[in-house]
Amino acid sequence: MNKKKLKVLISDELSATAIEIFKDQSIQVDFYPEMGRTPSVLLKKIHKYDGLVIRSNTKVSSALINQARNLKVIGRAGAGVDNI
């Protein structure tokens, strides 16, 4: 059986350790920390990903979710009262 490799986009700054956790689970990671500040670029690219990891710079809009045909999960790294 040939399973499709999952792809995760990290669109904000995140530690190298966190990135390695994904890679250790055989998840393809694209790390573009500047993309969270450019919503138009994120909107054009999001359809390629199964997961999105954000912090506070990336804003998840309804337009983004509608464009994210393959997206299965959005995770927010960090602590506090901010939410997606």
PDB file of N, CA and C in Angstrom:
ATOM      1  N   MET A   1       0.848  -1.171   0.000  1.00  0.00           N
ATOM      2  CA  MET A   1       0.000   0.000   0.000  1.00  0.00           C
ATOM      3  C   MET A   1       0.899   1.241   0.000  1.00  0.00           C
ATOM      4  N   ASN A   2       0.614   2.172  -0.875  1.00  0.00           N
ATOM      5  CA  ASN A   2       1.413   3.382  -1.007  1.00  0.00           C
ATOM      6  C   ASN A   2       0.653   4.554  -0.392  1.00  0.00           C
ATOM      7  N   LYS A   3       1.033   4.932   0.806  1.00  0.00           N
ATOM      8  CA  LYS A   3       0.351   6.033   1.493  1.00  0.00           C
ATOM      9  C   LYS A   3       0.934   7.371   1.052  1.00  0.00           C
ATOM     10  N   LYS A   4       0.056   8.326   0.873  1.00  0.00           N
ATOM     11  CA  LYS A   4       0.467   9.687   0.537  1.00  0.00           C
ATOM     12  C   LYS A   4       1.149  10.302   1.761  1.00  0.00           C
ATOM     13  N   LYS A   5       2.294  10.918   1.533  1.00  0.00           N
ATOM     14  CA  LYS A   5       3.004  11.584   2.613  1.00  0.00           C
ATOM     15  C   LYS A   5       2.279  12.886   2.959  1.00  0.00           C
ATOM     16  N   LEU A   6       1.995  13.076   4.229  1.00  0.00           N
ATOM     17  CA  LEU A   6       1.312  14.288   4.675  1.00  0.00           C
ATOM     18  C   LEU A   6       2.239  15.489   4.552  1.00  0.00           C
ATOM     19  N   LYS A   7       1.645  16.634   4.220  1.00  0.00           N
ATOM     20  CA  LYS A   7       2.402  17.881   4.071  1.00  0.00           C
ATOM     21  C   LYS A   7       1.852  18.917   5.036  1.00  0.00           C
ATOM     22  N   VAL A   8       2.756  19.534   5.776  1.00  0.00           N
ATOM     23  CA  VAL A   8       2.389  20.577   6.731  1.00  0.00           C
ATOM     24  C   VAL A   8       3.122  21.860   6.363  1.00  0.00           C
ATOM     25  N   LEU A   9       2.393  22.948   6.405  1.00  0.00           N
ATOM     26  CA  LEU A   9       2.977  24.274   6.207  1.00  0.00           C
ATOM     27  C   LEU A   9       3.083  24.961   7.557  1.00  0.00           C
ATOM     28  N   ILE A  10       4.262  25.449   7.865  1.00  0.00           N
ATOM     29  CA  ILE A  10       4.469  26.275   9.057  1.00  0.00           C
ATOM     30  C   ILE A  10       4.673  27.691   8.545  1.00  0.00           C
ATOM     31  N   SER A  11       3.715  28.576   8.857  1.00  0.00           N
ATOM     32  CA  SER A  11       3.711  29.915   8.255  1.00  0.00           C
ATOM     33  C   SER A  11       4.147  31.020   9.217  1.00  0.00           C
ATOM     34  N   ASP A  12       4.632  30.646  10.389  1.00  0.00           N
ATOM     35  CA  ASP A  12       5.163  31.597  11.367  1.00  0.00           C
ATOM     36  C   ASP A  12       6.446  31.011  11.955  1.00  0.00           C
ATOM     37  N   GLU A  13       7.158  31.814  12.719  1.00  0.00           N
ATOM     38  CA  GLU A  13       8.375  31.333  13.373  1.00  0.00           C
ATOM     39  C   GLU A  13       8.051  30.170  14.307  1.00  0.00           C
ATOM     40  N   LEU A  14       8.898  29.158  14.274  1.00  0.00           N
ATOM     41  CA  LEU A  14       8.735  27.996  15.136  1.00  0.00           C
ATOM     42  C   LEU A  14      10.119  27.405  15.358  1.00  0.00           C
ATOM     43  N   SER A  15      10.327  26.779  16.481  1.00  0.00           N
ATOM     44  CA  SER A  15      11.646  26.248  16.804  1.00  0.00           C
ATOM     45  C   SER A  15      12.026  25.081  15.896  1.00  0.00           C
ATOM     46  N   ALA A  16      13.319  24.896  15.746  1.00  0.00           N
ATOM     47  CA  ALA A  16      13.830  23.774  14.958  1.00  0.00           C
ATOM     48  C   ALA A  16      13.408  22.445  15.571  1.00  0.00           C
ATOM     49  N   THR A  17      13.301  22.394  16.885  1.00  0.00           N
ATOM     50  CA  THR A  17      12.869  21.177  17.566  1.00  0.00           C
ATOM     51  C   THR A  17      11.450  20.799  17.152  1.00  0.00           C
ATOM     52  N   ALA A  18      10.572  21.761  17.079  1.00  0.00           N
ATOM     53  CA  ALA A  18       9.191  21.505  16.676  1.00  0.00           C
ATOM     54  C   ALA A  18       9.134  20.986  15.238  1.00  0.00           C
ATOM     55  N   ILE A  19       9.932  21.561  14.376  1.00  0.00           N
ATOM     56  CA  ILE A  19       9.978  21.122  12.982  1.00  0.00           C
ATOM     57  C   ILE A  19      10.459  19.678  12.901  1.00  0.00           C
ATOM     58  N   GLU A  20      11.455  19.344  13.679  1.00  0.00           N
ATOM     59  CA  GLU A  20      11.993  17.982  13.699  1.00  0.00           C
ATOM     60  C   GLU A  20      10.967  16.966  14.176  1.00  0.00           C
ATOM     61  N   ILE A  21      10.077  17.356  15.069  1.00  0.00           N
ATOM     62  CA  ILE A  21       9.032  16.440  15.540  1.00  0.00           C
ATOM     63  C   ILE A  21       8.169  15.983  14.361  1.00  0.00           C
ATOM     64  N   PHE A  22       7.806  16.902  13.485  1.00  0.00           N
ATOM     65  CA  PHE A  22       7.040  16.540  12.300  1.00  0.00           C
ATOM     66  C   PHE A  22       7.853  15.613  11.397  1.00  0.00           C
ATOM     67  N   LYS A  23       9.085  15.976  11.138  1.00  0.00           N
ATOM     68  CA  LYS A  23       9.936  15.183  10.251  1.00  0.00           C
ATOM     69  C   LYS A  23      10.176  13.781  10.813  1.00  0.00           C
ATOM     70  N   ASP A  24      10.312  13.678  12.115  1.00  0.00           N
ATOM     71  CA  ASP A  24      10.496  12.362  12.748  1.00  0.00           C
ATOM     72  C   ASP A  24       9.288  11.457  12.544  1.00  0.00           C
ATOM     73  N   GLN A  25       8.138  12.049  12.262  1.00  0.00           N
ATOM     74  CA  GLN A  25       6.910  11.292  12.004  1.00  0.00           C
ATOM     75  C   GLN A  25       6.659  11.125  10.506  1.00  0.00           C
ATOM     76  N   SER A  26       7.698  11.365   9.704  1.00  0.00           N
ATOM     77  CA  SER A  26       7.633  11.243   8.235  1.00  0.00           C
ATOM     78  C   SER A  26       6.611  12.188   7.609  1.00  0.00           C
ATOM     79  N   ILE A  27       6.471  13.365   8.189  1.00  0.00           N
ATOM     80  CA  ILE A  27       5.599  14.402   7.649  1.00  0.00           C
ATOM     81  C   ILE A  27       6.475  15.411   6.920  1.00  0.00           C
ATOM     82  N   GLN A  28       6.115  15.720   5.689  1.00  0.00           N
ATOM     83  CA  GLN A  28       6.856  16.722   4.933  1.00  0.00           C
ATOM     84  C   GLN A  28       6.524  18.093   5.496  1.00  0.00           C
ATOM     85  N   VAL A  29       7.548  18.874   5.793  1.00  0.00           N
ATOM     86  CA  VAL A  29       7.358  20.194   6.384  1.00  0.00           C
ATOM     87  C   VAL A  29       7.901  21.260   5.451  1.00  0.00           C
ATOM     88  N   ASP A  30       7.069  22.245   5.156  1.00  0.00           N
ATOM     89  CA  ASP A  30       7.512  23.447   4.461  1.00  0.00           C
ATOM     90  C   ASP A  30       7.472  24.575   5.479  1.00  0.00           C
ATOM     91  N   PHE A  31       8.634  25.138   5.740  1.00  0.00           N
ATOM     92  CA  PHE A  31       8.780  26.170   6.762  1.00  0.00           C
ATOM     93  C   PHE A  31       9.004  27.517   6.076  1.00  0.00           C
ATOM     94  N   TYR A  32       7.945  28.339   6.062  1.00  0.00           N
ATOM     95  CA  TYR A  32       7.992  29.672   5.458  1.00  0.00           C
ATOM     96  C   TYR A  32       7.465  30.679   6.484  1.00  0.00           C
ATOM     97  N   PRO A  33       8.295  31.062   7.449  1.00  0.00           N
ATOM     98  CA  PRO A  33       7.816  31.919   8.536  1.00  0.00           C
ATOM     99  C   PRO A  33       7.345  33.296   8.102  1.00  0.00           C
ATOM    100  N   GLU A  34       7.735  33.738   6.927  1.00  0.00           N
ATOM    101  CA  GLU A  34       7.295  35.053   6.442  1.00  0.00           C
ATOM    102  C   GLU A  34       5.902  34.993   5.816  1.00  0.00           C
ATOM    103  N   MET A  35       5.431  33.799   5.483  1.00  0.00           N
ATOM    104  CA  MET A  35       4.158  33.673   4.784  1.00  0.00           C
ATOM    105  C   MET A  35       2.970  34.138   5.627  1.00  0.00           C
ATOM    106  N   GLY A  36       3.078  34.041   6.927  1.00  0.00           N
ATOM    107  CA  GLY A  36       1.996  34.496   7.792  1.00  0.00           C
ATOM    108  C   GLY A  36       1.729  35.983   7.684  1.00  0.00           C
ATOM    109  N   ARG A  37       2.708  36.720   7.202  1.00  0.00           N
ATOM    110  CA  ARG A  37       2.556  38.170   7.037  1.00  0.00           C
ATOM    111  C   ARG A  37       2.073  38.547   5.640  1.00  0.00           C
ATOM    112  N   THR A  38       1.924  37.549   4.766  1.00  0.00           N
ATOM    113  CA  THR A  38       1.479  37.804   3.391  1.00  0.00           C
ATOM    114  C   THR A  38       0.285  36.899   3.076  1.00  0.00           C
ATOM    115  N   PRO A  39      -0.903  37.293   3.534  1.00  0.00           N
ATOM    116  CA  PRO A  39      -2.087  36.453   3.360  1.00  0.00           C
ATOM    117  C   PRO A  39      -2.393  36.086   1.911  1.00  0.00           C
ATOM    118  N   SER A  40      -2.090  36.957   0.973  1.00  0.00           N
ATOM    119  CA  SER A  40      -2.390  36.654  -0.435  1.00  0.00           C
ATOM    120  C   SER A  40      -1.559  35.471  -0.928  1.00  0.00           C
ATOM    121  N   VAL A  41      -0.317  35.377  -0.489  1.00  0.00           N
ATOM    122  CA  VAL A  41       0.540  34.247  -0.869  1.00  0.00           C
ATOM    123  C   VAL A  41       0.042  32.975  -0.195  1.00  0.00           C
ATOM    124  N   LEU A  42      -0.277  33.060   1.072  1.00  0.00           N
ATOM    125  CA  LEU A  42      -0.788  31.909   1.812  1.00  0.00           C
ATOM    126  C   LEU A  42      -2.065  31.374   1.156  1.00  0.00           C
ATOM    127  N   LEU A  43      -2.921  32.258   0.737  1.00  0.00           N
ATOM    128  CA  LEU A  43      -4.176  31.877   0.089  1.00  0.00           C
ATOM    129  C   LEU A  43      -3.920  31.090  -1.203  1.00  0.00           C
ATOM    130  N   LYS A  44      -2.878  31.455  -1.933  1.00  0.00           N
ATOM    131  CA  LYS A  44      -2.547  30.774  -3.190  1.00  0.00           C
ATOM    132  C   LYS A  44      -1.897  29.405  -2.965  1.00  0.00           C
ATOM    133  N   LYS A  45      -1.254  29.200  -1.826  1.00  0.00           N
ATOM    134  CA  LYS A  45      -0.478  27.984  -1.579  1.00  0.00           C
ATOM    135  C   LYS A  45      -1.178  26.953  -0.693  1.00  0.00           C
ATOM    136  N   ILE A  46      -2.168  27.355   0.082  1.00  0.00           N
ATOM    137  CA  ILE A  46      -2.728  26.511   1.138  1.00  0.00           C
ATOM    138  C   ILE A  46      -3.355  25.223   0.604  1.00  0.00           C
ATOM    139  N   HIS A  47      -3.823  25.212  -0.632  1.00  0.00           N
ATOM    140  CA  HIS A  47      -4.482  24.019  -1.186  1.00  0.00           C
ATOM    141  C   HIS A  47      -3.563  22.795  -1.249  1.00  0.00           C
ATOM    142  N   LYS A  48      -2.253  22.995  -1.149  1.00  0.00           N
ATOM    143  CA  LYS A  48      -1.279  21.905  -1.251  1.00  0.00           C
ATOM    144  C   LYS A  48      -1.071  21.149   0.061  1.00  0.00           C
ATOM    145  N   TYR A  49      -1.631  21.649   1.164  1.00  0.00           N
ATOM    146  CA  TYR A  49      -1.243  21.150   2.486  1.00  0.00           C
ATOM    147  C   TYR A  49      -2.367  20.423   3.220  1.00  0.00           C
ATOM    148  N   ASP A  50      -1.937  19.450   4.024  1.00  0.00           N
ATOM    149  CA  ASP A  50      -2.840  18.701   4.902  1.00  0.00           C
ATOM    150  C   ASP A  50      -2.949  19.361   6.272  1.00  0.00           C
ATOM    151  N   GLY A  51      -1.924  20.114   6.651  1.00  0.00           N
ATOM    152  CA  GLY A  51      -1.912  20.768   7.953  1.00  0.00           C
ATOM    153  C   GLY A  51      -1.284  22.142   7.873  1.00  0.00           C
ATOM    154  N   LEU A  52      -1.706  23.008   8.777  1.00  0.00           N
ATOM    155  CA  LEU A  52      -1.174  24.370   8.877  1.00  0.00           C
ATOM    156  C   LEU A  52      -0.835  24.636  10.332  1.00  0.00           C
ATOM    157  N   VAL A  53       0.404  25.053  10.580  1.00  0.00           N
ATOM    158  CA  VAL A  53       0.837  25.419  11.928  1.00  0.00           C
ATOM    159  C   VAL A  53       1.111  26.910  11.929  1.00  0.00           C
ATOM    160  N   ILE A  54       0.479  27.606  12.871  1.00  0.00           N
ATOM    161  CA  ILE A  54       0.592  29.060  12.939  1.00  0.00           C
ATOM    162  C   ILE A  54       0.999  29.497  14.334  1.00  0.00           C
ATOM    163  N   ARG A  55       1.317  30.752  14.432  1.00  0.00           N
ATOM    164  CA  ARG A  55       1.457  31.440  15.710  1.00  0.00           C
ATOM    165  C   ARG A  55       0.597  32.691  15.579  1.00  0.00           C
ATOM    166  N   SER A  56       1.094  33.827  16.011  1.00  0.00           N
ATOM    167  CA  SER A  56       0.233  35.010  16.036  1.00  0.00           C
ATOM    168  C   SER A  56       0.228  35.830  14.749  1.00  0.00           C
ATOM    169  N   ASN A  57       1.178  35.641  13.842  1.00  0.00           N
ATOM    170  CA  ASN A  57       1.198  36.450  12.613  1.00  0.00           C
ATOM    171  C   ASN A  57       0.206  35.988  11.561  1.00  0.00           C
ATOM    172  N   THR A  58      -0.073  34.709  11.521  1.00  0.00           N
ATOM    173  CA  THR A  58      -0.992  34.183  10.512  1.00  0.00           C
ATOM    174  C   THR A  58      -2.425  34.327  10.993  1.00  0.00           C
ATOM    175  N   LYS A  59      -3.245  34.928  10.168  1.00  0.00           N
ATOM    176  CA  LYS A  59      -4.671  35.071  10.459  1.00  0.00           C
ATOM    177  C   LYS A  59      -5.434  34.088   9.578  1.00  0.00           C
ATOM    178  N   VAL A  60      -6.215  33.222  10.193  1.00  0.00           N
ATOM    179  CA  VAL A  60      -6.978  32.217   9.461  1.00  0.00           C
ATOM    180  C   VAL A  60      -8.370  32.781   9.193  1.00  0.00           C
ATOM    181  N   SER A  61      -8.612  33.082   7.941  1.00  0.00           N
ATOM    182  CA  SER A  61      -9.896  33.669   7.530  1.00  0.00           C
ATOM    183  C   SER A  61     -10.784  32.594   6.904  1.00  0.00           C
ATOM    184  N   SER A  62     -12.037  32.920   6.720  1.00  0.00           N
ATOM    185  CA  SER A  62     -12.941  31.984   6.051  1.00  0.00           C
ATOM    186  C   SER A  62     -12.492  31.758   4.602  1.00  0.00           C
ATOM    187  N   ALA A  63     -11.948  32.779   3.952  1.00  0.00           N
ATOM    188  CA  ALA A  63     -11.438  32.630   2.591  1.00  0.00           C
ATOM    189  C   ALA A  63     -10.294  31.618   2.548  1.00  0.00           C
ATOM    190  N   LEU A  64      -9.435  31.652   3.555  1.00  0.00           N
ATOM    191  CA  LEU A  64      -8.328  30.707   3.625  1.00  0.00           C
ATOM    192  C   LEU A  64      -8.846  29.286   3.807  1.00  0.00           C
ATOM    193  N   ILE A  65      -9.773  29.107   4.702  1.00  0.00           N
ATOM    194  CA  ILE A  65     -10.334  27.778   4.943  1.00  0.00           C
ATOM    195  C   ILE A  65     -11.050  27.259   3.691  1.00  0.00           C
ATOM    196  N   ASN A  66     -11.774  28.123   3.006  1.00  0.00           N
ATOM    197  CA  ASN A  66     -12.465  27.707   1.778  1.00  0.00           C
ATOM    198  C   ASN A  66     -11.495  27.291   0.677  1.00  0.00           C
ATOM    199  N   GLN A  67     -10.332  27.873   0.641  1.00  0.00           N
ATOM    200  CA  GLN A  67      -9.314  27.561  -0.363  1.00  0.00           C
ATOM    201  C   GLN A  67      -8.522  26.303  -0.006  1.00  0.00           C
ATOM    202  N   ALA A  68      -8.558  25.889   1.223  1.00  0.00           N
ATOM    203  CA  ALA A  68      -7.728  24.794   1.747  1.00  0.00           C
ATOM    204  C   ALA A  68      -8.416  23.450   1.536  1.00  0.00           C
ATOM    205  N   ARG A  69      -8.429  22.985   0.301  1.00  0.00           N
ATOM    206  CA  ARG A  69      -9.163  21.768  -0.060  1.00  0.00           C
ATOM    207  C   ARG A  69      -8.670  20.516   0.657  1.00  0.00           C
ATOM    208  N   ASN A  70      -7.390  20.422   0.952  1.00  0.00           N
ATOM    209  CA  ASN A  70      -6.815  19.223   1.571  1.00  0.00           C
ATOM    210  C   ASN A  70      -6.587  19.369   3.067  1.00  0.00           C
ATOM    211  N   LEU A  71      -6.826  20.530   3.606  1.00  0.00           N
ATOM    212  CA  LEU A  71      -6.499  20.809   4.999  1.00  0.00           C
ATOM    213  C   LEU A  71      -7.328  19.950   5.953  1.00  0.00           C
ATOM    214  N   LYS A  72      -6.615  19.303   6.880  1.00  0.00           N
ATOM    215  CA  LYS A  72      -7.257  18.455   7.873  1.00  0.00           C
ATOM    216  C   LYS A  72      -7.147  19.029   9.278  1.00  0.00           C
ATOM    217  N   VAL A  73      -6.126  19.853   9.503  1.00  0.00           N
ATOM    218  CA  VAL A  73      -5.909  20.387  10.845  1.00  0.00           C
ATOM    219  C   VAL A  73      -5.186  21.735  10.769  1.00  0.00           C
ATOM    220  N   ILE A  74      -5.550  22.610  11.681  1.00  0.00           N
ATOM    221  CA  ILE A  74      -4.837  23.865  11.901  1.00  0.00           C
ATOM    222  C   ILE A  74      -4.401  23.844  13.360  1.00  0.00           C
ATOM    223  N   GLY A  75      -3.115  23.991  13.586  1.00  0.00           N
ATOM    224  CA  GLY A  75      -2.598  24.006  14.947  1.00  0.00           C
ATOM    225  C   GLY A  75      -1.945  25.330  15.253  1.00  0.00           C
ATOM    226  N   ARG A  76      -2.184  25.827  16.447  1.00  0.00           N
ATOM    227  CA  ARG A  76      -1.564  27.074  16.867  1.00  0.00           C
ATOM    228  C   ARG A  76      -0.535  26.771  17.922  1.00  0.00           C
ATOM    229  N   ALA A  77       0.704  27.082  17.632  1.00  0.00           N
ATOM    230  CA  ALA A  77       1.789  26.887  18.588  1.00  0.00           C
ATOM    231  C   ALA A  77       1.834  28.076  19.536  1.00  0.00           C
ATOM    232  N   GLY A  78       1.959  27.809  20.804  1.00  0.00           N
ATOM    233  CA  GLY A  78       2.056  28.890  21.784  1.00  0.00           C
ATOM    234  C   GLY A  78       1.084  28.704  22.909  1.00  0.00           C
ATOM    235  N   ALA A  79       1.097  29.656  23.789  1.00  0.00           N
ATOM    236  CA  ALA A  79       0.222  29.638  24.950  1.00  0.00           C
ATOM    237  C   ALA A  79      -0.434  31.008  25.081  1.00  0.00           C
ATOM    238  N   GLY A  80      -1.492  31.061  25.854  1.00  0.00           N
ATOM    239  CA  GLY A  80      -2.147  32.340  26.068  1.00  0.00           C
ATOM    240  C   GLY A  80      -3.595  32.301  25.648  1.00  0.00           C
ATOM    241  N   VAL A  81      -4.139  33.464  25.445  1.00  0.00           N
ATOM    242  CA  VAL A  81      -5.575  33.578  25.174  1.00  0.00           C
ATOM    243  C   VAL A  81      -5.898  33.740  23.686  1.00  0.00           C
ATOM    244  N   ASP A  82      -4.885  33.869  22.834  1.00  0.00           N
ATOM    245  CA  ASP A  82      -5.135  33.993  21.400  1.00  0.00           C
ATOM    246  C   ASP A  82      -5.635  32.664  20.848  1.00  0.00           C
ATOM    247  N   ASN A  83      -6.557  32.742  19.947  1.00  0.00           N
ATOM    248  CA  ASN A  83      -7.098  31.545  19.312  1.00  0.00           C
ATOM    249  C   ASN A  83      -7.129  31.732  17.810  1.00  0.00           C
ATOM    250  N   ILE A  84      -7.421  30.655  17.122  1.00  0.00           N
ATOM    251  CA  ILE A  84      -7.555  30.709  15.667  1.00  0.00           C
ATOM    252  C   ILE A  84      -8.896  31.327  15.356  1.00  0.00           C
TER     253      ILE A  84
END
